[in-house]
Structures are given as C-alpha cells and as structure tokens.
C-alpha cells in the first residue's frame, strides 16, 4: 500500500487515534489492543488506517498471523509512548487534587533539602488538609506565568522585586564534624593548612557567589600566618592540604558531616546541625557577612487564597526562628551597599 502523493502534509495530525496506535504497537496484535481498549478489532483497524492516512506513511506491516512496526511506526511510537505517559500522569494528578487545597512552592534544591523539608512535618501536622508541592530547581521561574504560588529565593537585595519579603541574611563560617576535629584540632586559622577544604566549585565564576569561597574568607582574615618548615613564619596565602569541590550547598555540608574535610558553610542552612552537635564551628569568631539574602515572593494571583496565606505565615514564623538561632539583625542599608 502506498500512502500519500504530491506535496508532504504539513498540518498537525489529530490525536484521537494515537491511543489505538500505541496499544497495537505495544501488543503487536490488533485483537489484544482491541480487548484492552474495549473496542472491536475492526474499529481499532479503522483507527490505525485513518492515522496512516493522516501521517502519510505505513505504520504497520500486516502479516497473516503477526503485525510488525515499520521504521516510521517505530519513530512515532517513541514519541507517542512518552507523550501519553505524561498526559496520563497529569490527569492522575488533576484527579487526585480535585477538591483539595494545595500550595506550590519553588526553591533551590539545597534550600529545599536543608531548610524547608526538615520543617515541613510541623506544617502538615497543623494543616493536614493542605497539600504542598515543592519544585526544587535552581532555575528561577516567572511567578506571573508559572503554576507556582510561592518562591523562596537566594539573591542580593538589588535582584529581587520590591514586594519580596526578607526571611533572613546569612553569614559564612567554617564547619566540620566533631570526630574529624578530635583527630585534627582547629584552634586558629593556620590549622586549616593541614585540612581538606570543601567549597562550591562554580562560585568563582558567578558574581556574588564568589562570597561563598574560601578565598574570600581567607582574604577577609588576611592576617593569618603559616609556619614554614624550619620554624620561619611568613604572611602568605594559606594553602590547604587538598581541595574538594561540589556544585550544591547540601553536597558540601554532607561531605563535612561525613568527615571529609572542613566546609565553608552558609550559617542559616547548618544552624540545626550546629545545634544538634552533628557539626561544630571550630572558629566562631571568624564568621563573615554575605551580601546574599533569603527571600519570600508570592504570585499575585495566589495572595488571596487562604491556604497560600497559611503557608506563607508559617514560613515567616520559621524564618523568625532561624534569625534568632543565627543572631541575624538585618541592616538593609549596609546590605544594599555590599557588592
């Protein structure tokens, strides 16, 4: 059978026959596909014929007792299977959420895993009828168009809209596991020369994130000295035993928790680990302020929904606890001038 003559078809095909096509392609049997779809075998055959007419190519080779996909059919199956799976998943989510209240939140992967998720159980106990959907991504979304109610962002004050609510600022501080410090005590900056230092591998290439580097921290404490072999002391750039780089803050802290080195950590994200003793701050007097701040933004269309307000109020209360834990006293004028 030769399908189509003249110019190639350009209009999109209708999707009504794709379900029948996918079932036949999966079973390689018209009768089995018909039973699955609760249709007659002839009805399925007509749908496939109509689809082939629309596509302009043969999708199946019909043998006496078997059906075989053509190369064109295989190409269409790869696209169809993925698309139908995504459609089915979306429909399941819509059906499950119908009639329920939910709040969609976007934030970075590290902030979600280190600050938000450990606290969520408390909100769920208070509001068991509100579902929370977290989209953990480092790509900022447009709250005006995305299907998101709230955004938790990490940025300098100049980079957020005026309606953004400040949650807390941050300081950077060296942290390590207590058992690592038992074998390699750190009582002064020079002791870091005998340690593995852990930091963000891409921070040097990104404006403002350069504040998260050991180099910035060491430059702030430029009076540190290192004792050379032979006992002669000189003011020079501290060189650690080795470096260990990761892309995300939660990876950096996990490496510190497992004793792989000393991390330069964001204080708001490790406050609970310091409180519990899982991490130790060996040089607490060497904290440095960062110009980066954690913010709460709301989608304009979501502000009036009670469940969004409830979650927003809860986030602000949690942020107040974090500010108290880290001793955060915001100075917006100073922060605005930091670059």
C-alpha atoms as a PDB file:
ATOM      1  CA  UNK A   1       0.000   0.000   0.000  1.00  0.00           C
ATOM      2  CA  UNK A   2       1.413   3.404  -0.995  1.00  0.00           C
ATOM      3  CA  UNK A   3       0.081   6.318   1.026  1.00  0.00           C
ATOM      4  CA  UNK A   4       0.174   9.951   0.020  1.00  0.00           C
ATOM      5  CA  UNK A   5       1.175  11.589  -3.234  1.00  0.00           C
ATOM      6  CA  UNK A   6       2.299  15.045  -4.199  1.00  0.00           C
ATOM      7  CA  UNK A   7       3.387  17.518  -1.526  1.00  0.00           C
ATOM      8  CA  UNK A   8       4.102  16.318   2.047  1.00  0.00           C
ATOM      9  CA  UNK A   9       1.323  17.028   4.514  1.00  0.00           C
ATOM     10  CA  UNK A  10       2.047  19.938   6.853  1.00  0.00           C
ATOM     11  CA  UNK A  11      -0.998  20.184   9.104  1.00  0.00           C
ATOM     12  CA  UNK A  12      -0.801  18.579  12.589  1.00  0.00           C
ATOM     13  CA  UNK A  13      -2.480  15.208  12.968  1.00  0.00           C
ATOM     14  CA  UNK A  14      -5.439  14.684  15.277  1.00  0.00           C
ATOM     15  CA  UNK A  15      -4.585  12.820  18.468  1.00  0.00           C
ATOM     16  CA  UNK A  16      -7.716  10.676  18.683  1.00  0.00           C
ATOM     17  CA  UNK A  17      -6.160   7.615  17.053  1.00  0.00           C
ATOM     18  CA  UNK A  18      -2.837   7.659  18.918  1.00  0.00           C
ATOM     19  CA  UNK A  19      -4.147   5.609  21.847  1.00  0.00           C
ATOM     20  CA  UNK A  20      -5.155   2.799  19.499  1.00  0.00           C
ATOM     21  CA  UNK A  21      -1.819   3.048  17.707  1.00  0.00           C
ATOM     22  CA  UNK A  22       0.142   2.791  20.961  1.00  0.00           C
ATOM     23  CA  UNK A  23      -1.838  -0.241  22.116  1.00  0.00           C
ATOM     24  CA  UNK A  24      -1.370  -2.099  18.821  1.00  0.00           C
ATOM     25  CA  UNK A  25       2.339  -1.218  18.744  1.00  0.00           C
ATOM     26  CA  UNK A  26       2.795  -2.440  22.296  1.00  0.00           C
ATOM     27  CA  UNK A  27       0.969  -5.736  21.792  1.00  0.00           C
ATOM     28  CA  UNK A  28       1.817  -6.155  18.088  1.00  0.00           C
ATOM     29  CA  UNK A  29      -1.655  -7.615  17.902  1.00  0.00           C
ATOM     30  CA  UNK A  30      -4.909  -5.936  16.829  1.00  0.00           C
ATOM     31  CA  UNK A  31      -7.134  -8.262  18.854  1.00  0.00           C
ATOM     32  CA  UNK A  32      -5.204  -7.762  22.119  1.00  0.00           C
ATOM     33  CA  UNK A  33      -5.242  -3.998  21.590  1.00  0.00           C
ATOM     34  CA  UNK A  34      -8.988  -4.065  20.939  1.00  0.00           C
ATOM     35  CA  UNK A  35      -9.632  -6.021  24.156  1.00  0.00           C
ATOM     36  CA  UNK A  36      -7.532  -3.551  26.163  1.00  0.00           C
ATOM     37  CA  UNK A  37      -9.390  -0.558  24.701  1.00  0.00           C
ATOM     38  CA  UNK A  38     -12.830  -2.229  24.916  1.00  0.00           C
ATOM     39  CA  UNK A  39     -13.309  -1.776  21.173  1.00  0.00           C
ATOM     40  CA  UNK A  40     -13.948  -4.176  18.306  1.00  0.00           C
ATOM     41  CA  UNK A  41     -10.982  -5.320  16.272  1.00  0.00           C
ATOM     42  CA  UNK A  42     -12.422  -3.690  13.165  1.00  0.00           C
ATOM     43  CA  UNK A  43     -12.815  -0.359  14.996  1.00  0.00           C
ATOM     44  CA  UNK A  44      -9.138  -0.432  16.003  1.00  0.00           C
ATOM     45  CA  UNK A  45      -8.150  -1.348  12.463  1.00  0.00           C
ATOM     46  CA  UNK A  46     -10.120   1.626  11.100  1.00  0.00           C
ATOM     47  CA  UNK A  47      -8.412   3.988  13.570  1.00  0.00           C
ATOM     48  CA  UNK A  48      -4.972   2.774  12.500  1.00  0.00           C
ATOM     49  CA  UNK A  49      -5.928   3.144   8.833  1.00  0.00           C
ATOM     50  CA  UNK A  50      -7.121   6.698   9.459  1.00  0.00           C
ATOM     51  CA  UNK A  51      -3.880   7.523  11.313  1.00  0.00           C
ATOM     52  CA  UNK A  52      -1.770   6.154   8.476  1.00  0.00           C
ATOM     53  CA  UNK A  53      -3.743   8.318   6.060  1.00  0.00           C
ATOM     54  CA  UNK A  54      -3.063  11.379   8.209  1.00  0.00           C
ATOM     55  CA  UNK A  55       0.636  10.597   8.712  1.00  0.00           C
ATOM     56  CA  UNK A  56       1.088   9.752   5.058  1.00  0.00           C
ATOM     57  CA  UNK A  57       3.034   6.560   5.681  1.00  0.00           C
ATOM     58  CA  UNK A  58       2.514   2.911   6.572  1.00  0.00           C
ATOM     59  CA  UNK A  59       2.934   2.321  10.322  1.00  0.00           C
ATOM     60  CA  UNK A  60       2.474  -1.474  10.448  1.00  0.00           C
ATOM     61  CA  UNK A  61       3.299  -4.399   8.182  1.00  0.00           C
ATOM     62  CA  UNK A  62       0.303  -6.763   8.338  1.00  0.00           C
ATOM     63  CA  UNK A  63       1.275 -10.412   8.069  1.00  0.00           C
ATOM     64  CA  UNK A  64      -1.101 -13.362   8.191  1.00  0.00           C
ATOM     65  CA  UNK A  65      -0.616 -14.038  11.891  1.00  0.00           C
ATOM     66  CA  UNK A  66       1.553 -11.145  13.033  1.00  0.00           C
ATOM     67  CA  UNK A  67       1.917  -7.386  12.989  1.00  0.00           C
ATOM     68  CA  UNK A  68       5.248  -5.629  12.617  1.00  0.00           C
ATOM     69  CA  UNK A  69       6.138  -1.964  13.117  1.00  0.00           C
ATOM     70  CA  UNK A  70       7.714  -0.176  10.188  1.00  0.00           C
ATOM     71  CA  UNK A  71      10.608   2.215  10.768  1.00  0.00           C
ATOM     72  CA  UNK A  72       8.100   5.062  10.550  1.00  0.00           C
ATOM     73  CA  UNK A  73       5.897   3.331  13.098  1.00  0.00           C
ATOM     74  CA  UNK A  74       8.835   2.882  15.466  1.00  0.00           C
ATOM     75  CA  UNK A  75       9.640   6.591  15.226  1.00  0.00           C
ATOM     76  CA  UNK A  76       6.054   7.556  16.002  1.00  0.00           C
ATOM     77  CA  UNK A  77       5.846   5.053  18.873  1.00  0.00           C
ATOM     78  CA  UNK A  78       8.829   6.588  20.674  1.00  0.00           C
ATOM     79  CA  UNK A  79       7.164   9.987  20.659  1.00  0.00           C
ATOM     80  CA  UNK A  80       3.659   8.699  21.365  1.00  0.00           C
ATOM     81  CA  UNK A  81       4.580   6.499  24.354  1.00  0.00           C
ATOM     82  CA  UNK A  82       6.358   9.354  26.128  1.00  0.00           C
ATOM     83  CA  UNK A  83       3.574  11.824  25.420  1.00  0.00           C
ATOM     84  CA  UNK A  84       0.763   9.511  26.537  1.00  0.00           C
ATOM     85  CA  UNK A  85       2.624   8.655  29.743  1.00  0.00           C
ATOM     86  CA  UNK A  86       2.974  12.348  30.565  1.00  0.00           C
ATOM     87  CA  UNK A  87      -0.667  13.036  29.746  1.00  0.00           C
ATOM     88  CA  UNK A  88      -1.819  10.115  31.912  1.00  0.00           C
ATOM     89  CA  UNK A  89       0.366  11.300  34.799  1.00  0.00           C
ATOM     90  CA  UNK A  90      -1.026  14.826  34.533  1.00  0.00           C
ATOM     91  CA  UNK A  91      -4.602  13.546  34.504  1.00  0.00           C
ATOM     92  CA  UNK A  92      -3.937  11.380  37.585  1.00  0.00           C
ATOM     93  CA  UNK A  93      -2.536  14.405  39.406  1.00  0.00           C
ATOM     94  CA  UNK A  94      -5.535  16.521  38.434  1.00  0.00           C
ATOM     95  CA  UNK A  95      -7.991  13.835  39.568  1.00  0.00           C
ATOM     96  CA  UNK A  96      -6.176  13.307  42.857  1.00  0.00           C
ATOM     97  CA  UNK A  97      -6.025  17.019  43.634  1.00  0.00           C
ATOM     98  CA  UNK A  98      -9.589  17.813  42.588  1.00  0.00           C
ATOM     99  CA  UNK A  99     -11.375  19.386  45.519  1.00  0.00           C
ATOM    100  CA  UNK A 100      -8.216  19.596  47.649  1.00  0.00           C
ATOM    101  CA  UNK A 101      -6.322  22.690  48.708  1.00  0.00           C
ATOM    102  CA  UNK A 102      -2.677  22.862  47.689  1.00  0.00           C
ATOM    103  CA  UNK A 103       0.279  25.246  47.639  1.00  0.00           C
ATOM    104  CA  UNK A 104       3.022  25.072  45.003  1.00  0.00           C
ATOM    105  CA  UNK A 105       6.457  26.299  46.082  1.00  0.00           C
ATOM    106  CA  UNK A 106       9.599  26.771  44.028  1.00  0.00           C
ATOM    107  CA  UNK A 107      13.048  26.988  45.600  1.00  0.00           C
ATOM    108  CA  UNK A 108      16.598  25.779  45.118  1.00  0.00           C
ATOM    109  CA  UNK A 109      17.494  22.139  45.691  1.00  0.00           C
ATOM    110  CA  UNK A 110      19.853  22.949  48.565  1.00  0.00           C
ATOM    111  CA  UNK A 111      17.428  25.240  50.385  1.00  0.00           C
ATOM    112  CA  UNK A 112      14.649  22.681  49.974  1.00  0.00           C
ATOM    113  CA  UNK A 113      16.684  19.785  51.372  1.00  0.00           C
ATOM    114  CA  UNK A 114      18.492  21.680  54.150  1.00  0.00           C
ATOM    115  CA  UNK A 115      15.939  24.189  55.445  1.00  0.00           C
ATOM    116  CA  UNK A 116      12.422  23.677  54.107  1.00  0.00           C
ATOM    117  CA  UNK A 117      11.841  19.920  54.022  1.00  0.00           C
ATOM    118  CA  UNK A 118      13.083  19.199  57.590  1.00  0.00           C
ATOM    119  CA  UNK A 119      10.461  21.675  58.864  1.00  0.00           C
ATOM    120  CA  UNK A 120       7.507  20.609  56.706  1.00  0.00           C
ATOM    121  CA  UNK A 121       6.201  17.965  59.076  1.00  0.00           C
ATOM    122  CA  UNK A 122       5.267  20.689  61.569  1.00  0.00           C
ATOM    123  CA  UNK A 123       3.136  22.475  58.967  1.00  0.00           C
ATOM    124  CA  UNK A 124       1.491  19.229  57.874  1.00  0.00           C
ATOM    125  CA  UNK A 125       0.514  18.475  61.468  1.00  0.00           C
ATOM    126  CA  UNK A 126      -1.105  21.903  61.769  1.00  0.00           C
ATOM    127  CA  UNK A 127      -2.768  21.799  58.337  1.00  0.00           C
ATOM    128  CA  UNK A 128      -3.414  18.168  57.315  1.00  0.00           C
ATOM    129  CA  UNK A 129      -5.892  19.296  54.646  1.00  0.00           C
ATOM    130  CA  UNK A 130      -3.329  21.335  52.653  1.00  0.00           C
ATOM    131  CA  UNK A 131      -1.093  19.607  50.125  1.00  0.00           C
ATOM    132  CA  UNK A 132       2.365  21.042  49.464  1.00  0.00           C
ATOM    133  CA  UNK A 133       4.103  20.659  46.107  1.00  0.00           C
ATOM    134  CA  UNK A 134       7.790  21.611  46.029  1.00  0.00           C
ATOM    135  CA  UNK A 135       9.583  22.309  42.768  1.00  0.00           C
ATOM    136  CA  UNK A 136      13.284  22.161  43.678  1.00  0.00           C
ATOM    137  CA  UNK A 137      15.188  23.836  40.893  1.00  0.00           C
ATOM    138  CA  UNK A 138      17.967  26.404  40.631  1.00  0.00           C
ATOM    139  CA  UNK A 139      16.224  27.963  37.627  1.00  0.00           C
ATOM    140  CA  UNK A 140      14.108  30.966  38.629  1.00  0.00           C
ATOM    141  CA  UNK A 141      10.552  30.803  37.319  1.00  0.00           C
ATOM    142  CA  UNK A 142       8.247  33.652  36.342  1.00  0.00           C
ATOM    143  CA  UNK A 143       5.627  33.880  39.089  1.00  0.00           C
ATOM    144  CA  UNK A 144       3.360  35.735  36.709  1.00  0.00           C
ATOM    145  CA  UNK A 145       3.009  32.775  34.347  1.00  0.00           C
ATOM    146  CA  UNK A 146       4.238  29.620  36.107  1.00  0.00           C
ATOM    147  CA  UNK A 147       1.947  27.278  38.038  1.00  0.00           C
ATOM    148  CA  UNK A 148       3.582  28.285  41.319  1.00  0.00           C
ATOM    149  CA  UNK A 149       2.217  30.141  44.362  1.00  0.00           C
ATOM    150  CA  UNK A 150       5.354  30.985  46.348  1.00  0.00           C
ATOM    151  CA  UNK A 151       9.062  31.285  45.606  1.00  0.00           C
ATOM    152  CA  UNK A 152      11.920  31.065  48.098  1.00  0.00           C
ATOM    153  CA  UNK A 153      14.899  32.774  46.539  1.00  0.00           C
ATOM    154  CA  UNK A 154      18.537  33.471  47.349  1.00  0.00           C
ATOM    155  CA  UNK A 155      19.805  36.764  45.958  1.00  0.00           C
ATOM    156  CA  UNK A 156      21.249  40.178  46.687  1.00  0.00           C
ATOM    157  CA  UNK A 157      18.640  42.842  47.550  1.00  0.00           C
ATOM    158  CA  UNK A 158      19.077  44.578  44.210  1.00  0.00           C
ATOM    159  CA  UNK A 159      17.991  41.436  42.323  1.00  0.00           C
ATOM    160  CA  UNK A 160      14.529  40.948  43.846  1.00  0.00           C
ATOM    161  CA  UNK A 161      11.311  42.953  43.362  1.00  0.00           C
ATOM    162  CA  UNK A 162      10.244  45.485  45.980  1.00  0.00           C
ATOM    163  CA  UNK A 163       7.426  43.243  47.213  1.00  0.00           C
ATOM    164  CA  UNK A 164       9.862  40.466  48.201  1.00  0.00           C
ATOM    165  CA  UNK A 165       9.840  39.697  51.929  1.00  0.00           C
ATOM    166  CA  UNK A 166      13.239  39.264  53.610  1.00  0.00           C
ATOM    167  CA  UNK A 167      13.424  35.983  55.507  1.00  0.00           C
ATOM    168  CA  UNK A 168      16.989  36.196  56.794  1.00  0.00           C
ATOM    169  CA  UNK A 169      20.502  37.110  55.769  1.00  0.00           C
ATOM    170  CA  UNK A 170      23.493  34.889  56.163  1.00  0.00           C
ATOM    171  CA  UNK A 171      26.994  34.563  57.478  1.00  0.00           C
ATOM    172  CA  UNK A 172      29.656  32.136  56.301  1.00  0.00           C
ATOM    173  CA  UNK A 173      31.582  30.049  58.776  1.00  0.00           C
ATOM    174  CA  UNK A 174      33.929  27.019  58.779  1.00  0.00           C
ATOM    175  CA  UNK A 175      32.256  23.814  59.996  1.00  0.00           C
ATOM    176  CA  UNK A 176      33.449  20.244  60.467  1.00  0.00           C
ATOM    177  CA  UNK A 177      32.322  17.011  62.051  1.00  0.00           C
ATOM    178  CA  UNK A 178      33.237  16.616  65.739  1.00  0.00           C
ATOM    179  CA  UNK A 179      35.129  13.370  65.159  1.00  0.00           C
ATOM    180  CA  UNK A 180      37.254  14.981  62.459  1.00  0.00           C
ATOM    181  CA  UNK A 181      38.170  17.747  64.895  1.00  0.00           C
ATOM    182  CA  UNK A 182      39.156  15.174  67.516  1.00  0.00           C
ATOM    183  CA  UNK A 183      41.825  13.823  65.181  1.00  0.00           C
ATOM    184  CA  UNK A 184      42.765  17.186  63.663  1.00  0.00           C
ATOM    185  CA  UNK A 185      42.029  20.029  66.116  1.00  0.00           C
ATOM    186  CA  UNK A 186      41.477  23.518  64.693  1.00  0.00           C
ATOM    187  CA  UNK A 187      42.032  26.395  67.094  1.00  0.00           C
ATOM    188  CA  UNK A 188      43.399  29.026  64.708  1.00  0.00           C
ATOM    189  CA  UNK A 189      43.216  29.792  61.015  1.00  0.00           C
ATOM    190  CA  UNK A 190      46.689  28.411  60.324  1.00  0.00           C
ATOM    191  CA  UNK A 191      45.478  24.930  61.314  1.00  0.00           C
ATOM    192  CA  UNK A 192      43.358  24.835  58.143  1.00  0.00           C
ATOM    193  CA  UNK A 193      46.564  24.318  56.155  1.00  0.00           C
ATOM    194  CA  UNK A 194      46.556  20.688  57.355  1.00  0.00           C
ATOM    195  CA  UNK A 195      42.936  20.069  56.302  1.00  0.00           C
ATOM    196  CA  UNK A 196      40.908  19.372  53.214  1.00  0.00           C
ATOM    197  CA  UNK A 197      38.822  22.451  52.434  1.00  0.00           C
ATOM    198  CA  UNK A 198      35.398  21.992  50.820  1.00  0.00           C
ATOM    199  CA  UNK A 199      33.675  24.656  48.746  1.00  0.00           C
ATOM    200  CA  UNK A 200      31.388  25.347  45.778  1.00  0.00           C
ATOM    201  CA  UNK A 201      33.193  24.542  42.562  1.00  0.00           C
ATOM    202  CA  UNK A 202      31.423  27.120  40.406  1.00  0.00           C
ATOM    203  CA  UNK A 203      31.302  30.007  42.883  1.00  0.00           C
ATOM    204  CA  UNK A 204      34.389  31.678  41.406  1.00  0.00           C
ATOM    205  CA  UNK A 205      32.627  32.051  38.053  1.00  0.00           C
ATOM    206  CA  UNK A 206      29.444  33.688  39.332  1.00  0.00           C
ATOM    207  CA  UNK A 207      29.036  37.222  40.575  1.00  0.00           C
ATOM    208  CA  UNK A 208      28.104  37.473  44.272  1.00  0.00           C
ATOM    209  CA  UNK A 209      28.547  33.699  44.755  1.00  0.00           C
ATOM    210  CA  UNK A 210      32.253  34.476  44.963  1.00  0.00           C
ATOM    211  CA  UNK A 211      31.413  35.381  48.565  1.00  0.00           C
ATOM    212  CA  UNK A 212      30.956  31.642  49.224  1.00  0.00           C
ATOM    213  CA  UNK A 213      34.608  30.828  48.508  1.00  0.00           C
ATOM    214  CA  UNK A 214      37.366  30.103  50.952  1.00  0.00           C
ATOM    215  CA  UNK A 215      39.482  32.660  49.118  1.00  0.00           C
ATOM    216  CA  UNK A 216      37.089  35.453  50.060  1.00  0.00           C
ATOM    217  CA  UNK A 217      37.017  34.210  53.647  1.00  0.00           C
ATOM    218  CA  UNK A 218      40.830  33.981  53.795  1.00  0.00           C
ATOM    219  CA  UNK A 219      41.227  37.427  52.250  1.00  0.00           C
ATOM    220  CA  UNK A 220      38.949  38.790  54.976  1.00  0.00           C
ATOM    221  CA  UNK A 221      41.282  37.251  57.555  1.00  0.00           C
ATOM    222  CA  UNK A 222      44.450  38.241  55.696  1.00  0.00           C
ATOM    223  CA  UNK A 223      46.475  38.464  58.890  1.00  0.00           C
ATOM    224  CA  UNK A 224      46.722  34.680  59.113  1.00  0.00           C
ATOM    225  CA  UNK A 225      50.261  33.258  59.059  1.00  0.00           C
ATOM    226  CA  UNK A 226      51.536  29.883  58.106  1.00  0.00           C
ATOM    227  CA  UNK A 227      54.632  28.326  59.667  1.00  0.00           C
ATOM    228  CA  UNK A 228      57.047  27.075  57.047  1.00  0.00           C
ATOM    229  CA  UNK A 229      59.392  24.118  57.594  1.00  0.00           C
ATOM    230  CA  UNK A 230      62.234  25.241  59.825  1.00  0.00           C
ATOM    231  CA  UNK A 231      60.008  27.369  62.025  1.00  0.00           C
ATOM    232  CA  UNK A 232      60.108  30.590  59.947  1.00  0.00           C
ATOM    233  CA  UNK A 233      56.751  32.375  59.871  1.00  0.00           C
ATOM    234  CA  UNK A 234      55.632  34.487  56.931  1.00  0.00           C
ATOM    235  CA  UNK A 235      52.462  36.276  55.903  1.00  0.00           C
ATOM    236  CA  UNK A 236      51.334  34.366  52.827  1.00  0.00           C
ATOM    237  CA  UNK A 237      48.254  32.871  51.241  1.00  0.00           C
ATOM    238  CA  UNK A 238      47.172  29.774  53.171  1.00  0.00           C
ATOM    239  CA  UNK A 239      47.448  26.596  51.110  1.00  0.00           C
ATOM    240  CA  UNK A 240      45.350  23.653  52.357  1.00  0.00           C
ATOM    241  CA  UNK A 241      46.302  20.001  52.228  1.00  0.00           C
ATOM    242  CA  UNK A 242      43.797  19.477  49.379  1.00  0.00           C
ATOM    243  CA  UNK A 243      40.569  20.859  47.889  1.00  0.00           C
ATOM    244  CA  UNK A 244      37.182  19.204  47.460  1.00  0.00           C
ATOM    245  CA  UNK A 245      34.576  20.849  45.207  1.00  0.00           C
ATOM    246  CA  UNK A 246      30.818  20.321  44.866  1.00  0.00           C
ATOM    247  CA  UNK A 247      28.051  22.061  42.918  1.00  0.00           C
ATOM    248  CA  UNK A 248      25.440  22.340  45.667  1.00  0.00           C
ATOM    249  CA  UNK A 249      25.393  23.541  49.267  1.00  0.00           C
ATOM    250  CA  UNK A 250      23.764  20.340  50.541  1.00  0.00           C
ATOM    251  CA  UNK A 251      26.586  18.297  48.964  1.00  0.00           C
ATOM    252  CA  UNK A 252      29.186  20.488  50.668  1.00  0.00           C
ATOM    253  CA  UNK A 253      27.554  20.053  54.067  1.00  0.00           C
ATOM    254  CA  UNK A 254      27.068  16.302  53.552  1.00  0.00           C
ATOM    255  CA  UNK A 255      30.792  15.955  52.866  1.00  0.00           C
ATOM    256  CA  UNK A 256      31.544  17.854  56.083  1.00  0.00           C
ATOM    257  CA  UNK A 257      29.090  15.701  58.064  1.00  0.00           C
ATOM    258  CA  UNK A 258      30.899  12.562  56.915  1.00  0.00           C
ATOM    259  CA  UNK A 259      34.285  13.949  57.953  1.00  0.00           C
ATOM    260  CA  UNK A 260      35.740  14.517  54.507  1.00  0.00           C
ATOM    261  CA  UNK A 261      37.008  17.992  55.309  1.00  0.00           C
ATOM    262  CA  UNK A 262      36.181  21.464  56.583  1.00  0.00           C
ATOM    263  CA  UNK A 263      33.367  23.266  54.763  1.00  0.00           C
ATOM    264  CA  UNK A 264      32.720  26.966  54.451  1.00  0.00           C
ATOM    265  CA  UNK A 265      29.009  26.782  55.213  1.00  0.00           C
ATOM    266  CA  UNK A 266      26.035  29.096  54.988  1.00  0.00           C
ATOM    267  CA  UNK A 267      25.053  29.578  58.611  1.00  0.00           C
ATOM    268  CA  UNK A 268      21.239  29.553  58.134  1.00  0.00           C
ATOM    269  CA  UNK A 269      21.457  26.169  56.409  1.00  0.00           C
ATOM    270  CA  UNK A 270      23.592  24.497  59.097  1.00  0.00           C
ATOM    271  CA  UNK A 271      22.118  26.115  62.218  1.00  0.00           C
ATOM    272  CA  UNK A 272      20.210  22.933  63.139  1.00  0.00           C
ATOM    273  CA  UNK A 273      23.268  20.722  62.577  1.00  0.00           C
ATOM    274  CA  UNK A 274      25.315  23.016  64.821  1.00  0.00           C
ATOM    275  CA  UNK A 275      22.597  22.981  67.472  1.00  0.00           C
ATOM    276  CA  UNK A 276      22.418  19.181  67.440  1.00  0.00           C
ATOM    277  CA  UNK A 277      26.187  18.780  67.511  1.00  0.00           C
ATOM    278  CA  UNK A 278      26.373  16.971  64.173  1.00  0.00           C
ATOM    279  CA  UNK A 279      28.624  19.806  63.024  1.00  0.00           C
ATOM    280  CA  UNK A 280      30.980  22.018  65.007  1.00  0.00           C
ATOM    281  CA  UNK A 281      32.034  25.595  64.330  1.00  0.00           C
ATOM    282  CA  UNK A 282      35.761  25.497  65.263  1.00  0.00           C
ATOM    283  CA  UNK A 283      36.446  29.209  64.634  1.00  0.00           C
ATOM    284  CA  UNK A 284      33.234  31.025  65.628  1.00  0.00           C
ATOM    285  CA  UNK A 285      34.910  34.434  65.788  1.00  0.00           C
ATOM    286  CA  UNK A 286      35.797  34.270  62.091  1.00  0.00           C
ATOM    287  CA  UNK A 287      32.298  34.456  60.612  1.00  0.00           C
ATOM    288  CA  UNK A 288      31.923  36.820  57.670  1.00  0.00           C
ATOM    289  CA  UNK A 289      28.773  38.518  56.409  1.00  0.00           C
ATOM    290  CA  UNK A 290      27.445  37.700  52.964  1.00  0.00           C
ATOM    291  CA  UNK A 291      25.503  40.137  50.760  1.00  0.00           C
ATOM    292  CA  UNK A 292      23.156  37.303  49.766  1.00  0.00           C
ATOM    293  CA  UNK A 293      19.731  37.125  51.400  1.00  0.00           C
ATOM    294  CA  UNK A 294      16.872  34.612  51.506  1.00  0.00           C
ATOM    295  CA  UNK A 295      13.526  35.974  50.278  1.00  0.00           C
ATOM    296  CA  UNK A 296       9.847  35.028  50.045  1.00  0.00           C
ATOM    297  CA  UNK A 297       7.900  36.038  46.927  1.00  0.00           C
ATOM    298  CA  UNK A 298       4.218  35.444  46.232  1.00  0.00           C
ATOM    299  CA  UNK A 299       2.462  35.062  42.908  1.00  0.00           C
ATOM    300  CA  UNK A 300      -0.080  37.929  42.605  1.00  0.00           C
ATOM    301  CA  UNK A 301      -2.963  35.599  41.750  1.00  0.00           C
ATOM    302  CA  UNK A 302      -2.296  33.424  44.840  1.00  0.00           C
ATOM    303  CA  UNK A 303      -2.281  36.061  47.582  1.00  0.00           C
ATOM    304  CA  UNK A 304      -5.983  35.809  48.387  1.00  0.00           C
ATOM    305  CA  UNK A 305      -6.119  32.031  48.789  1.00  0.00           C
ATOM    306  CA  UNK A 306      -6.301  31.051  52.476  1.00  0.00           C
ATOM    307  CA  UNK A 307      -4.017  28.032  52.088  1.00  0.00           C
ATOM    308  CA  UNK A 308      -1.284  30.167  50.486  1.00  0.00           C
ATOM    309  CA  UNK A 309      -1.558  32.741  53.268  1.00  0.00           C
ATOM    310  CA  UNK A 310      -1.387  29.976  55.889  1.00  0.00           C
ATOM    311  CA  UNK A 311       1.784  28.544  54.389  1.00  0.00           C
ATOM    312  CA  UNK A 312       3.289  31.996  53.914  1.00  0.00           C
ATOM    313  CA  UNK A 313       2.622  32.903  57.554  1.00  0.00           C
ATOM    314  CA  UNK A 314       4.159  29.611  58.659  1.00  0.00           C
ATOM    315  CA  UNK A 315       7.278  30.275  56.567  1.00  0.00           C
ATOM    316  CA  UNK A 316       7.670  33.707  58.165  1.00  0.00           C
ATOM    317  CA  UNK A 317       7.401  32.179  61.636  1.00  0.00           C
ATOM    318  CA  UNK A 318      10.036  29.580  60.756  1.00  0.00           C
ATOM    319  CA  UNK A 319      12.277  32.318  59.372  1.00  0.00           C
ATOM    320  CA  UNK A 320      11.974  34.245  62.636  1.00  0.00           C
ATOM    321  CA  UNK A 321      13.254  31.177  64.488  1.00  0.00           C
ATOM    322  CA  UNK A 322      16.207  30.934  62.105  1.00  0.00           C
ATOM    323  CA  UNK A 323      17.030  34.631  62.576  1.00  0.00           C
ATOM    324  CA  UNK A 324      17.066  34.094  66.320  1.00  0.00           C
ATOM    325  CA  UNK A 325      19.241  30.979  66.017  1.00  0.00           C
ATOM    326  CA  UNK A 326      21.905  32.709  63.904  1.00  0.00           C
ATOM    327  CA  UNK A 327      21.705  36.121  65.564  1.00  0.00           C
ATOM    328  CA  UNK A 328      20.593  37.803  62.367  1.00  0.00           C
ATOM    329  CA  UNK A 329      19.999  41.526  62.796  1.00  0.00           C
ATOM    330  CA  UNK A 330      19.273  42.881  59.320  1.00  0.00           C
ATOM    331  CA  UNK A 331      20.794  46.166  58.247  1.00  0.00           C
ATOM    332  CA  UNK A 332      19.225  46.865  54.834  1.00  0.00           C
ATOM    333  CA  UNK A 333      21.289  49.999  54.240  1.00  0.00           C
ATOM    334  CA  UNK A 334      24.524  48.098  54.728  1.00  0.00           C
ATOM    335  CA  UNK A 335      23.345  45.149  52.644  1.00  0.00           C
ATOM    336  CA  UNK A 336      22.371  47.391  49.749  1.00  0.00           C
ATOM    337  CA  UNK A 337      25.896  48.744  49.586  1.00  0.00           C
ATOM    338  CA  UNK A 338      27.624  45.377  49.567  1.00  0.00           C
ATOM    339  CA  UNK A 339      28.820  44.215  46.169  1.00  0.00           C
END
